[in-house]
Amino acid sequence: MQKRELGKSGLEVSALGLGCMGMSFGFGPAGDEQEMIALIRAAVDRGVTFFDTAETYGPFTNELLVGKALEPVRERVIIATKFGFDIAPDGTRGSGLNSRPEHIKEVAEASLKRLRTDRIDLFYQHRVDPNVPIEEVAGAVKDLVQEGKVKHFGLSEAGVKTIRRAHVVQPVAALQSEYSLWWREPEAEIMPALEELGIGFVPFSPLGKGFLTGKIDENTSFDSTDFRNTVPRFTPENRKANQAMVELVTKIAAGKGATPAQIALAWVLAQKPWIMPIPGTTKLHRLEENLGAVNVELSPDDLAEIERSASEISVQGHRYGDASQRMIDR
């Protein structure tokens, strides 16, 4: 497995990480715990060193799963988790966001216990809290870094102004936000700022929440607990319209002896050397397929063809429902 450095942070991780959320939350019923532990350890055996979770996935169940799975191999891996939501110790969700410094420190202590570790390698603010100045957030994480409980600070779905303000107080190692062939907004302002500041980029949903694999069409039905039921981009009519993007990656894949998913991931990897996507899966064969993307070479001609064809496709539907959209920092 190839390695990449998150910007200029000194934090080196596998070129592809593993997003663990869907094992417990978000995409239908939780997976069997022992099967998911086996899958995480299979990823480690195949060279993956970068694992992503969050307290809110469950809540708490995903961190517990990741902690159990990685405890025996802790020295070989980098664990990222997140704070920022108002969640009581019993898992009851509060009114929304909470990045008050005292809460951040409480979350860190609880996450350390669930993850069965003495340090969090990368601690993200999950969503920017408009009620707490980002300088106070960064200061709280800086305290945790000085105590040795956190190694690196990250932000998720943060805008350029917030990133710059946070970076002054405590260097930001990575920004995690959505990025893929069908969500390219970060290219306009976010990615130039990250390059300037030496911050790594960790795209979640690099496969378009599964859509770019070619396994979803307008007739696909999702489990009632699958959050894609609430995503405008996943209405049947929008799925039908958006097949044009799947047809593009399928066409390129055919010429490369690869799968659509591998082309979608290889495209993300080809954009910048400091980008580390974190596709998620609950299936071993999908894990192996995704990891194969690091061996797919997209030539300048391939990338130009993708760029030209993608520019002619108008992706239909917002990527979030209204409630989630309101939490995005601009």
C-alpha atoms as a PDB file:
ATOM      1  CA  MET A   1       0.000   0.000   0.000  1.00  0.00           C
ATOM      2  CA  GLN A   2       1.298   3.436  -0.943  1.00  0.00           C
ATOM      3  CA  LYS A   3       1.724   6.025   1.806  1.00  0.00           C
ATOM      4  CA  ARG A   4       0.966   9.725   1.745  1.00  0.00           C
ATOM      5  CA  GLU A   5       1.610  12.595   4.151  1.00  0.00           C
ATOM      6  CA  LEU A   6      -1.303  14.722   5.321  1.00  0.00           C
ATOM      7  CA  GLY A   7      -0.069  18.084   4.064  1.00  0.00           C
ATOM      8  CA  LYS A   8       2.981  19.202   6.018  1.00  0.00           C
ATOM      9  CA  SER A   9       1.798  17.708   9.292  1.00  0.00           C
ATOM     10  CA  GLY A  10       4.309  14.876   9.358  1.00  0.00           C
ATOM     11  CA  LEU A  11       1.400  12.446   9.720  1.00  0.00           C
ATOM     12  CA  GLU A  12       1.858   9.637   7.184  1.00  0.00           C
ATOM     13  CA  VAL A  13      -1.059   7.365   6.359  1.00  0.00           C
ATOM     14  CA  SER A  14      -2.027   4.825   3.718  1.00  0.00           C
ATOM     15  CA  ALA A  15      -3.112   6.425   0.433  1.00  0.00           C
ATOM     16  CA  LEU A  16      -6.565   4.947   0.984  1.00  0.00           C
ATOM     17  CA  GLY A  17      -8.091   4.863   4.444  1.00  0.00           C
ATOM     18  CA  LEU A  18     -11.196   3.084   5.680  1.00  0.00           C
ATOM     19  CA  GLY A  19     -14.309   5.002   6.677  1.00  0.00           C
ATOM     20  CA  CYS A  20     -15.958   2.893   9.370  1.00  0.00           C
ATOM     21  CA  MET A  21     -19.258   4.754   9.859  1.00  0.00           C
ATOM     22  CA  GLY A  22     -21.379   2.468   7.706  1.00  0.00           C
ATOM     23  CA  MET A  23     -20.426  -0.565   9.756  1.00  0.00           C
ATOM     24  CA  SER A  24     -22.574   0.760  12.604  1.00  0.00           C
ATOM     25  CA  PHE A  25     -24.717   3.603  11.343  1.00  0.00           C
ATOM     26  CA  GLY A  26     -26.168   5.499   8.424  1.00  0.00           C
ATOM     27  CA  PHE A  27     -26.431   2.982   5.596  1.00  0.00           C
ATOM     28  CA  GLY A  28     -28.982   0.568   7.017  1.00  0.00           C
ATOM     29  CA  PRO A  29     -28.736  -1.923   9.896  1.00  0.00           C
ATOM     30  CA  ALA A  30     -25.407  -2.246  11.702  1.00  0.00           C
ATOM     31  CA  GLY A  31     -23.156  -5.055  10.570  1.00  0.00           C
ATOM     32  CA  ASP A  32     -22.402  -8.091  12.717  1.00  0.00           C
ATOM     33  CA  GLU A  33     -19.752  -7.006  15.211  1.00  0.00           C
ATOM     34  CA  GLN A  34     -17.421  -9.966  14.702  1.00  0.00           C
ATOM     35  CA  GLU A  35     -17.676  -9.673  10.915  1.00  0.00           C
ATOM     36  CA  MET A  36     -16.891  -5.951  11.055  1.00  0.00           C
ATOM     37  CA  ILE A  37     -13.916  -6.554  13.379  1.00  0.00           C
ATOM     38  CA  ALA A  38     -12.646  -9.141  10.913  1.00  0.00           C
ATOM     39  CA  LEU A  39     -13.084  -6.662   8.055  1.00  0.00           C
ATOM     40  CA  ILE A  40     -11.148  -3.913   9.853  1.00  0.00           C
ATOM     41  CA  ARG A  41      -8.329  -6.330  10.632  1.00  0.00           C
ATOM     42  CA  ALA A  42      -8.356  -7.534   7.015  1.00  0.00           C
ATOM     43  CA  ALA A  43      -7.813  -3.913   5.993  1.00  0.00           C
ATOM     44  CA  VAL A  44      -4.803  -3.701   8.325  1.00  0.00           C
ATOM     45  CA  ASP A  45      -3.413  -6.918   6.829  1.00  0.00           C
ATOM     46  CA  ARG A  46      -3.697  -5.339   3.377  1.00  0.00           C
ATOM     47  CA  GLY A  47      -1.742  -2.249   4.341  1.00  0.00           C
ATOM     48  CA  VAL A  48      -4.452   0.189   5.406  1.00  0.00           C
ATOM     49  CA  THR A  49      -3.212   2.318   8.311  1.00  0.00           C
ATOM     50  CA  PHE A  50      -5.857   5.075   8.420  1.00  0.00           C
ATOM     51  CA  PHE A  51      -9.230   4.436  10.126  1.00  0.00           C
ATOM     52  CA  ASP A  52     -12.025   6.959  10.544  1.00  0.00           C
ATOM     53  CA  THR A  53     -14.788   6.977  13.155  1.00  0.00           C
ATOM     54  CA  ALA A  54     -16.734   9.466  15.316  1.00  0.00           C
ATOM     55  CA  GLU A  55     -18.585   9.549  18.623  1.00  0.00           C
ATOM     56  CA  THR A  56     -21.844  10.349  16.828  1.00  0.00           C
ATOM     57  CA  TYR A  57     -21.782   7.175  14.719  1.00  0.00           C
ATOM     58  CA  GLY A  58     -24.244   5.161  16.735  1.00  0.00           C
ATOM     59  CA  PRO A  59     -23.776   7.182  18.958  1.00  0.00           C
ATOM     60  CA  PHE A  60     -20.668   5.534  20.380  1.00  0.00           C
ATOM     61  CA  THR A  61     -21.086   2.062  18.868  1.00  0.00           C
ATOM     62  CA  ASN A  62     -18.687   2.699  15.992  1.00  0.00           C
ATOM     63  CA  GLU A  63     -15.900   3.926  18.256  1.00  0.00           C
ATOM     64  CA  LEU A  64     -16.385   0.851  20.441  1.00  0.00           C
ATOM     65  CA  LEU A  65     -16.162  -1.372  17.357  1.00  0.00           C
ATOM     66  CA  VAL A  66     -13.036   0.345  16.025  1.00  0.00           C
ATOM     67  CA  GLY A  67     -11.435   0.197  19.455  1.00  0.00           C
ATOM     68  CA  LYS A  68     -11.985  -3.548  19.756  1.00  0.00           C
ATOM     69  CA  ALA A  69     -10.778  -4.194  16.223  1.00  0.00           C
ATOM     70  CA  LEU A  70      -7.610  -2.131  16.385  1.00  0.00           C
ATOM     71  CA  GLU A  71      -6.460  -2.669  19.969  1.00  0.00           C
ATOM     72  CA  PRO A  72      -4.193  -5.621  19.031  1.00  0.00           C
ATOM     73  CA  VAL A  73      -2.558  -3.648  16.196  1.00  0.00           C
ATOM     74  CA  ARG A  74      -2.673  -0.173  17.713  1.00  0.00           C
ATOM     75  CA  GLU A  75       0.967   0.679  17.005  1.00  0.00           C
ATOM     76  CA  ARG A  76       0.491   0.012  13.280  1.00  0.00           C
ATOM     77  CA  VAL A  77      -2.470   2.326  12.667  1.00  0.00           C
ATOM     78  CA  ILE A  78      -3.682   5.918  12.727  1.00  0.00           C
ATOM     79  CA  ILE A  79      -7.117   6.470  14.288  1.00  0.00           C
ATOM     80  CA  ALA A  80      -9.205   9.546  13.521  1.00  0.00           C
ATOM     81  CA  THR A  81     -12.327  10.423  15.477  1.00  0.00           C
ATOM     82  CA  LYS A  82     -14.481  13.511  15.929  1.00  0.00           C
ATOM     83  CA  PHE A  83     -16.186  15.796  18.431  1.00  0.00           C
ATOM     84  CA  GLY A  84     -18.711  18.556  18.011  1.00  0.00           C
ATOM     85  CA  PHE A  85     -22.224  17.244  18.578  1.00  0.00           C
ATOM     86  CA  ASP A  86     -24.348  17.588  21.698  1.00  0.00           C
ATOM     87  CA  ILE A  87     -24.491  13.986  22.909  1.00  0.00           C
ATOM     88  CA  ALA A  88     -25.017  12.995  26.542  1.00  0.00           C
ATOM     89  CA  PRO A  89     -22.929  10.199  28.102  1.00  0.00           C
ATOM     90  CA  ASP A  90     -25.922   7.854  27.783  1.00  0.00           C
ATOM     91  CA  GLY A  91     -26.017   8.447  24.017  1.00  0.00           C
ATOM     92  CA  THR A  92     -28.998  10.783  24.072  1.00  0.00           C
ATOM     93  CA  ARG A  93     -28.697  13.371  21.328  1.00  0.00           C
ATOM     94  CA  GLY A  94     -29.155  16.975  22.368  1.00  0.00           C
ATOM     95  CA  SER A  95     -30.185  19.998  20.374  1.00  0.00           C
ATOM     96  CA  GLY A  96     -27.411  19.943  17.805  1.00  0.00           C
ATOM     97  CA  LEU A  97     -23.799  21.137  17.901  1.00  0.00           C
ATOM     98  CA  ASN A  98     -21.575  21.553  20.932  1.00  0.00           C
ATOM     99  CA  SER A  99     -17.924  22.556  20.641  1.00  0.00           C
ATOM    100  CA  ARG A 100     -17.565  24.268  23.989  1.00  0.00           C
ATOM    101  CA  PRO A 101     -13.997  23.670  25.198  1.00  0.00           C
ATOM    102  CA  GLU A 102     -15.063  21.781  28.315  1.00  0.00           C
ATOM    103  CA  HIS A 103     -17.259  19.506  26.192  1.00  0.00           C
ATOM    104  CA  ILE A 104     -14.428  18.839  23.723  1.00  0.00           C
ATOM    105  CA  LYS A 105     -12.247  17.633  26.596  1.00  0.00           C
ATOM    106  CA  GLU A 106     -15.024  15.431  27.960  1.00  0.00           C
ATOM    107  CA  VAL A 107     -15.499  13.875  24.521  1.00  0.00           C
ATOM    108  CA  ALA A 108     -11.764  13.239  24.209  1.00  0.00           C
ATOM    109  CA  GLU A 109     -11.665  11.355  27.508  1.00  0.00           C
ATOM    110  CA  ALA A 110     -14.702   9.260  26.568  1.00  0.00           C
ATOM    111  CA  SER A 111     -13.370   8.526  23.066  1.00  0.00           C
ATOM    112  CA  LEU A 112     -10.019   7.408  24.457  1.00  0.00           C
ATOM    113  CA  LYS A 113     -11.791   4.853  26.630  1.00  0.00           C
ATOM    114  CA  ARG A 114     -14.011   3.577  23.814  1.00  0.00           C
ATOM    115  CA  LEU A 115     -11.079   3.368  21.415  1.00  0.00           C
ATOM    116  CA  ARG A 116      -8.956   1.522  24.007  1.00  0.00           C
ATOM    117  CA  THR A 117      -6.015   3.828  23.450  1.00  0.00           C
ATOM    118  CA  ASP A 118      -3.960   6.487  25.179  1.00  0.00           C
ATOM    119  CA  ARG A 119      -4.026   8.980  22.297  1.00  0.00           C
ATOM    120  CA  ILE A 120      -6.210  10.105  19.411  1.00  0.00           C
ATOM    121  CA  ASP A 121      -4.045  10.463  16.320  1.00  0.00           C
ATOM    122  CA  LEU A 122      -6.356  12.902  14.542  1.00  0.00           C
ATOM    123  CA  PHE A 123      -9.172  14.708  16.343  1.00  0.00           C
ATOM    124  CA  TYR A 124     -11.610  16.504  14.048  1.00  0.00           C
ATOM    125  CA  GLN A 125     -14.244  19.082  14.831  1.00  0.00           C
ATOM    126  CA  HIS A 126     -17.124  17.265  13.114  1.00  0.00           C
ATOM    127  CA  ARG A 127     -19.069  20.394  12.221  1.00  0.00           C
ATOM    128  CA  VAL A 128     -18.257  24.043  12.879  1.00  0.00           C
ATOM    129  CA  ASP A 129     -20.226  25.375  15.850  1.00  0.00           C
ATOM    130  CA  PRO A 130     -21.382  28.945  15.119  1.00  0.00           C
ATOM    131  CA  ASN A 131     -21.842  29.565  18.850  1.00  0.00           C
ATOM    132  CA  VAL A 132     -18.197  28.903  19.774  1.00  0.00           C
ATOM    133  CA  PRO A 133     -15.337  30.909  18.242  1.00  0.00           C
ATOM    134  CA  ILE A 134     -13.054  28.567  16.313  1.00  0.00           C
ATOM    135  CA  GLU A 135     -10.090  30.002  18.227  1.00  0.00           C
ATOM    136  CA  GLU A 136     -11.543  28.555  21.433  1.00  0.00           C
ATOM    137  CA  VAL A 137     -12.056  25.196  19.743  1.00  0.00           C
ATOM    138  CA  ALA A 138      -8.499  25.137  18.444  1.00  0.00           C
ATOM    139  CA  GLY A 139      -7.249  26.211  21.867  1.00  0.00           C
ATOM    140  CA  ALA A 140      -9.021  23.306  23.565  1.00  0.00           C
ATOM    141  CA  VAL A 141      -7.494  20.849  21.116  1.00  0.00           C
ATOM    142  CA  LYS A 142      -4.094  22.512  21.601  1.00  0.00           C
ATOM    143  CA  ASP A 143      -4.408  21.773  25.335  1.00  0.00           C
ATOM    144  CA  LEU A 144      -5.136  18.118  24.517  1.00  0.00           C
ATOM    145  CA  VAL A 145      -2.119  18.008  22.204  1.00  0.00           C
ATOM    146  CA  GLN A 146       0.095  19.403  24.950  1.00  0.00           C
ATOM    147  CA  GLU A 147      -1.243  16.739  27.317  1.00  0.00           C
ATOM    148  CA  GLY A 148      -0.378  14.024  24.786  1.00  0.00           C
ATOM    149  CA  LYS A 149      -3.998  12.877  24.465  1.00  0.00           C
ATOM    150  CA  VAL A 150      -4.319  14.137  20.876  1.00  0.00           C
ATOM    151  CA  LYS A 151      -1.601  14.122  18.217  1.00  0.00           C
ATOM    152  CA  HIS A 152      -3.170  16.188  15.416  1.00  0.00           C
ATOM    153  CA  PHE A 153      -6.101  18.576  14.916  1.00  0.00           C
ATOM    154  CA  GLY A 154      -8.561  18.350  12.045  1.00  0.00           C
ATOM    155  CA  LEU A 155     -11.687  20.091  10.785  1.00  0.00           C
ATOM    156  CA  SER A 156     -14.637  18.683   8.851  1.00  0.00           C
ATOM    157  CA  GLU A 157     -16.810  20.578   6.360  1.00  0.00           C
ATOM    158  CA  ALA A 158     -15.180  23.858   7.409  1.00  0.00           C
ATOM    159  CA  GLY A 159     -14.940  26.919   5.176  1.00  0.00           C
ATOM    160  CA  VAL A 160     -11.717  28.716   4.255  1.00  0.00           C
ATOM    161  CA  LYS A 161     -12.085  31.536   6.802  1.00  0.00           C
ATOM    162  CA  THR A 162     -12.600  29.056   9.633  1.00  0.00           C
ATOM    163  CA  ILE A 163      -9.655  26.936   8.512  1.00  0.00           C
ATOM    164  CA  ARG A 164      -7.338  29.951   8.456  1.00  0.00           C
ATOM    165  CA  ARG A 165      -8.446  31.185  11.887  1.00  0.00           C
ATOM    166  CA  ALA A 166      -8.053  27.749  13.473  1.00  0.00           C
ATOM    167  CA  HIS A 167      -4.672  27.146  11.856  1.00  0.00           C
ATOM    168  CA  VAL A 168      -3.217  30.224  13.568  1.00  0.00           C
ATOM    169  CA  VAL A 169      -3.996  28.813  17.031  1.00  0.00           C
ATOM    170  CA  GLN A 170      -3.255  25.113  16.450  1.00  0.00           C
ATOM    171  CA  PRO A 171      -1.933  23.775  13.140  1.00  0.00           C
ATOM    172  CA  VAL A 172      -4.657  21.952  11.231  1.00  0.00           C
ATOM    173  CA  ALA A 173      -3.322  18.641   9.895  1.00  0.00           C
ATOM    174  CA  ALA A 174      -6.322  17.700   7.764  1.00  0.00           C
ATOM    175  CA  LEU A 175      -9.679  18.818   6.482  1.00  0.00           C
ATOM    176  CA  GLN A 176     -12.300  16.130   5.982  1.00  0.00           C
ATOM    177  CA  SER A 177     -15.071  17.022   3.550  1.00  0.00           C
ATOM    178  CA  GLU A 178     -17.029  15.390   0.791  1.00  0.00           C
ATOM    179  CA  TYR A 179     -15.239  15.235  -2.560  1.00  0.00           C
ATOM    180  CA  SER A 180     -15.696  13.052  -5.614  1.00  0.00           C
ATOM    181  CA  LEU A 181     -16.358  13.236  -9.321  1.00  0.00           C
ATOM    182  CA  TRP A 182     -19.927  14.264  -8.525  1.00  0.00           C
ATOM    183  CA  TRP A 183     -19.161  16.776  -5.758  1.00  0.00           C
ATOM    184  CA  ARG A 184     -16.313  19.063  -6.771  1.00  0.00           C
ATOM    185  CA  GLU A 185     -17.097  22.284  -4.916  1.00  0.00           C
ATOM    186  CA  PRO A 186     -13.905  22.037  -2.773  1.00  0.00           C
ATOM    187  CA  GLU A 187     -11.811  22.677  -5.886  1.00  0.00           C
ATOM    188  CA  ALA A 188     -12.879  26.329  -6.047  1.00  0.00           C
ATOM    189  CA  GLU A 189     -11.609  27.717  -2.740  1.00  0.00           C
ATOM    190  CA  ILE A 190     -10.936  24.922  -0.247  1.00  0.00           C
ATOM    191  CA  MET A 191      -8.205  22.989  -2.046  1.00  0.00           C
ATOM    192  CA  PRO A 192      -6.099  26.043  -2.984  1.00  0.00           C
ATOM    193  CA  ALA A 193      -6.190  27.151   0.661  1.00  0.00           C
ATOM    194  CA  LEU A 194      -5.210  23.689   1.890  1.00  0.00           C
ATOM    195  CA  GLU A 195      -2.273  23.604  -0.520  1.00  0.00           C
ATOM    196  CA  GLU A 196      -1.150  27.064   0.573  1.00  0.00           C
ATOM    197  CA  LEU A 197      -1.310  26.157   4.279  1.00  0.00           C
ATOM    198  CA  GLY A 198       0.118  22.637   3.967  1.00  0.00           C
ATOM    199  CA  ILE A 199      -3.052  20.904   5.178  1.00  0.00           C
ATOM    200  CA  GLY A 200      -4.038  17.413   4.031  1.00  0.00           C
ATOM    201  CA  PHE A 201      -7.423  16.630   2.496  1.00  0.00           C
ATOM    202  CA  VAL A 202      -9.438  13.563   3.521  1.00  0.00           C
ATOM    203  CA  PRO A 203     -12.436  13.152   1.202  1.00  0.00           C
ATOM    204  CA  PHE A 204     -15.360  11.179   2.577  1.00  0.00           C
ATOM    205  CA  SER A 205     -17.887   9.684   0.168  1.00  0.00           C
ATOM    206  CA  PRO A 206     -15.310   9.521  -2.654  1.00  0.00           C
ATOM    207  CA  LEU A 207     -17.636   7.001  -4.312  1.00  0.00           C
ATOM    208  CA  GLY A 208     -20.621   9.341  -4.123  1.00  0.00           C
ATOM    209  CA  LYS A 209     -22.214   7.453  -1.201  1.00  0.00           C
ATOM    210  CA  GLY A 210     -21.973   4.315  -3.331  1.00  0.00           C
ATOM    211  CA  PHE A 211     -23.499   5.781  -6.473  1.00  0.00           C
ATOM    212  CA  LEU A 212     -20.287   5.841  -8.519  1.00  0.00           C
ATOM    213  CA  THR A 213     -19.819   2.092  -8.094  1.00  0.00           C
ATOM    214  CA  GLY A 214     -22.522   1.535 -10.710  1.00  0.00           C
ATOM    215  CA  LYS A 215     -24.510  -0.678  -8.339  1.00  0.00           C
ATOM    216  CA  ILE A 216     -27.317   1.843  -7.717  1.00  0.00           C
ATOM    217  CA  ASP A 217     -29.989   3.011 -10.147  1.00  0.00           C
ATOM    218  CA  GLU A 218     -33.451   4.583  -9.998  1.00  0.00           C
ATOM    219  CA  ASN A 219     -34.987   1.231  -9.050  1.00  0.00           C
ATOM    220  CA  THR A 220     -32.724   0.597  -6.065  1.00  0.00           C
ATOM    221  CA  SER A 221     -34.559   0.588  -2.733  1.00  0.00           C
ATOM    222  CA  PHE A 222     -32.750   1.530   0.471  1.00  0.00           C
ATOM    223  CA  ASP A 223     -33.400   0.222   3.961  1.00  0.00           C
ATOM    224  CA  SER A 224     -35.655   2.487   6.025  1.00  0.00           C
ATOM    225  CA  THR A 225     -32.691   3.391   8.264  1.00  0.00           C
ATOM    226  CA  ASP A 226     -30.462   4.386   5.311  1.00  0.00           C
ATOM    227  CA  PHE A 227     -29.880   8.137   5.370  1.00  0.00           C
ATOM    228  CA  ARG A 228     -29.761   8.256   1.566  1.00  0.00           C
ATOM    229  CA  ASN A 229     -33.571   8.194   1.726  1.00  0.00           C
ATOM    230  CA  THR A 230     -33.346  11.818   2.904  1.00  0.00           C
ATOM    231  CA  VAL A 231     -30.746  12.985   0.356  1.00  0.00           C
ATOM    232  CA  PRO A 232     -32.206  14.940  -2.595  1.00  0.00           C
ATOM    233  CA  ARG A 233     -29.496  13.607  -4.910  1.00  0.00           C
ATOM    234  CA  PHE A 234     -30.842  10.101  -4.288  1.00  0.00           C
ATOM    235  CA  THR A 235     -34.464  10.591  -5.295  1.00  0.00           C
ATOM    236  CA  PRO A 236     -35.343   8.082  -8.050  1.00  0.00           C
ATOM    237  CA  GLU A 237     -35.595  10.787 -10.695  1.00  0.00           C
ATOM    238  CA  ASN A 238     -32.212  12.262  -9.744  1.00  0.00           C
ATOM    239  CA  ARG A 239     -30.606   8.836  -9.652  1.00  0.00           C
ATOM    240  CA  LYS A 240     -31.868   8.273 -13.171  1.00  0.00           C
ATOM    241  CA  ALA A 241     -30.533  11.631 -14.354  1.00  0.00           C
ATOM    242  CA  ASN A 242     -27.185  11.120 -12.631  1.00  0.00           C
ATOM    243  CA  GLN A 243     -26.479   7.804 -14.358  1.00  0.00           C
ATOM    244  CA  ALA A 244     -24.527   9.846 -16.906  1.00  0.00           C
ATOM    245  CA  MET A 245     -21.688  10.145 -14.378  1.00  0.00           C
ATOM    246  CA  VAL A 246     -21.729   6.384 -13.782  1.00  0.00           C
ATOM    247  CA  GLU A 247     -21.629   5.803 -17.530  1.00  0.00           C
ATOM    248  CA  LEU A 248     -18.529   7.987 -17.727  1.00  0.00           C
ATOM    249  CA  VAL A 249     -16.546   6.060 -15.088  1.00  0.00           C
ATOM    250  CA  THR A 250     -17.800   2.768 -16.529  1.00  0.00           C
ATOM    251  CA  LYS A 251     -16.493   3.730 -19.966  1.00  0.00           C
ATOM    252  CA  ILE A 252     -13.058   4.661 -18.602  1.00  0.00           C
ATOM    253  CA  ALA A 253     -13.003   1.510 -16.462  1.00  0.00           C
ATOM    254  CA  ALA A 254     -13.613  -0.721 -19.479  1.00  0.00           C
ATOM    255  CA  GLY A 255     -10.517   0.641 -21.176  1.00  0.00           C
ATOM    256  CA  LYS A 256      -8.388   0.157 -18.075  1.00  0.00           C
ATOM    257  CA  GLY A 257      -9.506  -3.307 -17.031  1.00  0.00           C
ATOM    258  CA  ALA A 258     -10.756  -1.733 -13.813  1.00  0.00           C
ATOM    259  CA  THR A 259     -14.121  -1.247 -12.099  1.00  0.00           C
ATOM    260  CA  PRO A 260     -16.099   2.021 -11.963  1.00  0.00           C
ATOM    261  CA  ALA A 261     -15.322   2.308  -8.240  1.00  0.00           C
ATOM    262  CA  GLN A 262     -11.604   1.966  -8.903  1.00  0.00           C
ATOM    263  CA  ILE A 263     -11.718   4.689 -11.557  1.00  0.00           C
ATOM    264  CA  ALA A 264     -13.653   7.019  -9.239  1.00  0.00           C
ATOM    265  CA  LEU A 265     -11.093   6.511  -6.461  1.00  0.00           C
ATOM    266  CA  ALA A 266      -8.080   6.692  -8.803  1.00  0.00           C
ATOM    267  CA  TRP A 267      -9.410  10.024 -10.081  1.00  0.00           C
ATOM    268  CA  VAL A 268      -9.556  11.438  -6.541  1.00  0.00           C
ATOM    269  CA  LEU A 269      -6.046  10.160  -5.782  1.00  0.00           C
ATOM    270  CA  ALA A 270      -4.727  11.739  -8.992  1.00  0.00           C
ATOM    271  CA  GLN A 271      -5.876  15.246  -8.061  1.00  0.00           C
ATOM    272  CA  LYS A 272      -3.228  16.000  -5.398  1.00  0.00           C
ATOM    273  CA  PRO A 273      -0.536  13.979  -3.579  1.00  0.00           C
ATOM    274  CA  TRP A 274      -1.881  15.148  -0.197  1.00  0.00           C
ATOM    275  CA  ILE A 275      -5.380  13.701  -0.683  1.00  0.00           C
ATOM    276  CA  MET A 276      -6.303  10.496   1.183  1.00  0.00           C
ATOM    277  CA  PRO A 277      -9.861   9.262   0.471  1.00  0.00           C
ATOM    278  CA  ILE A 278     -11.663   7.118   3.048  1.00  0.00           C
ATOM    279  CA  PRO A 279     -14.198   4.944   1.213  1.00  0.00           C
ATOM    280  CA  GLY A 280     -16.329   2.821   3.497  1.00  0.00           C
ATOM    281  CA  THR A 281     -17.627  -0.693   3.058  1.00  0.00           C
ATOM    282  CA  THR A 282     -18.982  -3.640   5.018  1.00  0.00           C
ATOM    283  CA  LYS A 283     -17.816  -6.299   2.547  1.00  0.00           C
ATOM    284  CA  LEU A 284     -14.358  -7.817   2.098  1.00  0.00           C
ATOM    285  CA  HIS A 285     -14.603  -8.044  -1.693  1.00  0.00           C
ATOM    286  CA  ARG A 286     -15.500  -4.359  -1.883  1.00  0.00           C
ATOM    287  CA  LEU A 287     -12.571  -3.493   0.388  1.00  0.00           C
ATOM    288  CA  GLU A 288     -10.228  -5.384  -1.928  1.00  0.00           C
ATOM    289  CA  GLU A 289     -11.781  -3.754  -4.986  1.00  0.00           C
ATOM    290  CA  ASN A 290     -11.344  -0.279  -3.484  1.00  0.00           C
ATOM    291  CA  LEU A 291      -7.739  -0.928  -2.497  1.00  0.00           C
ATOM    292  CA  GLY A 292      -7.019  -1.961  -6.067  1.00  0.00           C
ATOM    293  CA  ALA A 293      -7.566   1.667  -7.073  1.00  0.00           C
ATOM    294  CA  VAL A 294      -4.053   2.592  -5.919  1.00  0.00           C
ATOM    295  CA  ASN A 295      -2.689   0.499  -8.788  1.00  0.00           C
ATOM    296  CA  VAL A 296      -4.855   2.129 -11.465  1.00  0.00           C
ATOM    297  CA  GLU A 297      -2.817   4.594 -13.533  1.00  0.00           C
ATOM    298  CA  LEU A 298      -4.794   7.417 -15.092  1.00  0.00           C
ATOM    299  CA  SER A 299      -2.723   9.085 -17.793  1.00  0.00           C
ATOM    300  CA  PRO A 300      -2.917  12.810 -18.571  1.00  0.00           C
ATOM    301  CA  ASP A 301      -5.085  11.865 -21.558  1.00  0.00           C
ATOM    302  CA  ASP A 302      -7.401   9.819 -19.319  1.00  0.00           C
ATOM    303  CA  LEU A 303      -7.739  12.697 -16.868  1.00  0.00           C
ATOM    304  CA  ALA A 304      -8.375  15.156 -19.699  1.00  0.00           C
ATOM    305  CA  GLU A 305     -11.089  12.911 -21.118  1.00  0.00           C
ATOM    306  CA  ILE A 306     -12.742  12.578 -17.717  1.00  0.00           C
ATOM    307  CA  GLU A 307     -12.558  16.350 -17.220  1.00  0.00           C
ATOM    308  CA  ARG A 308     -14.051  17.098 -20.622  1.00  0.00           C
ATOM    309  CA  SER A 309     -16.861  14.559 -20.271  1.00  0.00           C
ATOM    310  CA  ALA A 310     -17.651  15.417 -16.644  1.00  0.00           C
ATOM    311  CA  SER A 311     -17.915  19.113 -17.498  1.00  0.00           C
ATOM    312  CA  GLU A 312     -20.821  18.267 -19.793  1.00  0.00           C
ATOM    313  CA  ILE A 313     -22.756  16.484 -17.027  1.00  0.00           C
ATOM    314  CA  SER A 314     -25.056  18.444 -14.737  1.00  0.00           C
ATOM    315  CA  VAL A 315     -25.429  16.468 -11.516  1.00  0.00           C
ATOM    316  CA  GLN A 316     -28.965  16.709 -10.171  1.00  0.00           C
ATOM    317  CA  GLY A 317     -29.978  17.169  -6.525  1.00  0.00           C
ATOM    318  CA  HIS A 318     -28.377  18.595  -3.379  1.00  0.00           C
ATOM    319  CA  ARG A 319     -25.938  16.340  -1.529  1.00  0.00           C
ATOM    320  CA  TYR A 320     -27.688  16.848   1.834  1.00  0.00           C
ATOM    321  CA  GLY A 321     -31.177  17.400   3.174  1.00  0.00           C
ATOM    322  CA  ASP A 322     -32.002  20.787   4.690  1.00  0.00           C
ATOM    323  CA  ALA A 323     -31.049  20.007   8.303  1.00  0.00           C
ATOM    324  CA  SER A 324     -27.613  18.655   7.390  1.00  0.00           C
ATOM    325  CA  GLN A 325     -27.046  21.426   4.858  1.00  0.00           C
ATOM    326  CA  ARG A 326     -27.520  24.060   7.559  1.00  0.00           C
ATOM    327  CA  MET A 327     -24.529  22.629   9.444  1.00  0.00           C
ATOM    328  CA  ILE A 328     -22.103  23.257   6.586  1.00  0.00           C
ATOM    329  CA  ASP A 329     -19.672  26.104   7.265  1.00  0.00           C
ATOM    330  CA  ARG A 330     -19.125  28.623   4.494  1.00  0.00           C
END
